[in-house]
Amino acid sequence: MLKQFPKTDMYDSFKEYAARFSDLFGLKEKALSLFNQTVGIKVLGDLTQFIRQQMLEEPDAEDQFKSLYDHYNDLLISHKKIQRMKSSLNCWSR
């Protein structure tokens, strides 16, 4: 009966429907999981724990640290080169 309506999609499984729903609304897998949980939620135990587990992405601290460390080293090397060049120019200008 629903097939008679234009622009109506039918799916054989929830997985297919969920994938299409996510694409249409621009949801990532974690957001869809959160959506599913909040729709059926009746009692929320520990709000802080729920937010940490379901709403916040886990930061990749190791990669962030390595990136910052590498960037710092690049800046430090550049600074030392600039200092050597200034020192070299001062020697020639006297």
Protein backbone atom coordinates (compact mmCIF):
# COMPACT_ATOMS: atom_id res chain seq x y z
CA MET A 1 0.00 0.00 0.00
CA LEU A 2 2.81 2.47 0.82
CA LYS A 3 4.53 1.75 -2.50
CA GLN A 4 1.80 3.68 -4.30
CA PHE A 5 3.07 6.98 -2.85
CA PRO A 6 5.78 8.74 -4.87
CA LYS A 7 9.22 9.08 -3.31
CA THR A 8 8.51 6.28 -0.83
CA ASP A 9 11.31 3.83 -0.17
CA MET A 10 10.70 0.35 1.24
CA TYR A 11 13.41 -1.63 3.02
CA ASP A 12 13.65 -5.33 3.83
CA SER A 13 15.73 -4.82 6.96
CA PHE A 14 16.25 -2.24 9.65
CA LYS A 15 19.95 -2.10 8.74
CA GLU A 16 19.11 -0.83 5.24
CA TYR A 17 16.61 1.66 6.66
CA ALA A 18 19.12 2.89 9.28
CA ALA A 19 21.80 3.41 6.62
CA ARG A 20 19.41 5.46 4.45
CA PHE A 21 18.15 7.42 7.47
CA SER A 22 21.74 8.23 8.48
CA ASP A 23 22.60 9.38 4.95
CA LEU A 24 19.53 11.61 4.68
CA PHE A 25 20.09 13.32 8.02
CA GLY A 26 23.89 13.33 7.93
CA LEU A 27 24.19 11.23 11.05
CA LYS A 28 27.26 9.25 11.95
CA GLU A 29 26.96 5.81 13.51
CA LYS A 30 27.40 7.15 17.06
CA ALA A 31 24.72 9.80 16.52
CA LEU A 32 22.26 7.22 15.21
CA SER A 33 22.97 5.03 18.23
CA LEU A 34 22.29 7.99 20.50
CA PHE A 35 19.08 8.76 18.62
CA ASN A 36 17.87 5.17 19.02
CA GLN A 37 18.64 5.17 22.73
CA THR A 38 16.99 8.50 23.46
CA VAL A 39 13.82 7.57 21.58
CA GLY A 40 13.22 4.54 23.78
CA ILE A 41 14.72 5.79 27.04
CA LYS A 42 12.46 5.76 30.06
CA VAL A 43 14.80 6.00 33.06
CA LEU A 44 18.16 7.65 32.89
CA GLY A 45 20.49 6.45 35.63
CA ASP A 46 23.77 8.34 35.69
CA LEU A 47 23.46 11.35 33.37
CA THR A 48 27.19 12.08 33.42
CA GLN A 49 28.07 8.53 32.43
CA PHE A 50 25.42 8.54 29.68
CA ILE A 51 26.79 11.76 28.21
CA ARG A 52 30.38 10.50 28.34
CA GLN A 53 29.55 7.18 26.69
CA GLN A 54 27.00 8.28 24.11
CA MET A 55 27.48 11.94 23.27
CA LEU A 56 31.20 12.61 23.47
CA GLU A 57 33.73 11.32 21.02
CA GLU A 58 36.79 9.79 22.59
CA PRO A 59 39.75 12.03 21.85
CA ASP A 60 42.78 10.38 20.33
CA ALA A 61 45.17 11.93 22.82
CA GLU A 62 48.22 10.02 21.63
CA ASP A 63 47.93 11.27 18.03
CA GLN A 64 47.14 14.80 19.23
CA PHE A 65 50.19 14.80 21.48
CA LYS A 66 52.46 13.49 18.72
CA SER A 67 51.18 16.13 16.33
CA LEU A 68 51.73 18.92 18.87
CA TYR A 69 55.16 17.56 19.77
CA ASP A 70 56.23 17.36 16.11
CA HIS A 71 54.96 20.88 15.48
CA TYR A 72 56.80 22.17 18.55
CA ASN A 73 60.03 20.52 17.36
CA ASP A 74 59.64 22.11 13.92
CA LEU A 75 59.15 25.52 15.52
CA LEU A 76 62.13 24.99 17.82
CA ILE A 77 64.40 24.02 14.93
CA SER A 78 63.23 27.05 12.93
CA HIS A 79 63.82 29.34 15.91
CA LYS A 80 67.36 28.02 16.38
CA LYS A 81 68.12 28.53 12.68
CA ILE A 82 66.85 32.10 12.87
CA GLN A 83 69.00 32.76 15.94
CA ARG A 84 72.09 31.38 14.15
CA MET A 85 71.37 33.51 11.08
CA LYS A 86 70.96 36.63 13.21
CA SER A 87 74.21 35.86 14.98
CA SER A 88 75.94 35.31 11.65
CA LEU A 89 74.59 38.60 10.25
CA ASN A 90 75.71 40.50 13.37
CA CYS A 91 79.26 39.18 12.91
CA TRP A 92 79.38 40.43 9.30
CA SER A 93 77.84 43.81 10.00
CA ARG A 94 80.54 44.87 12.49
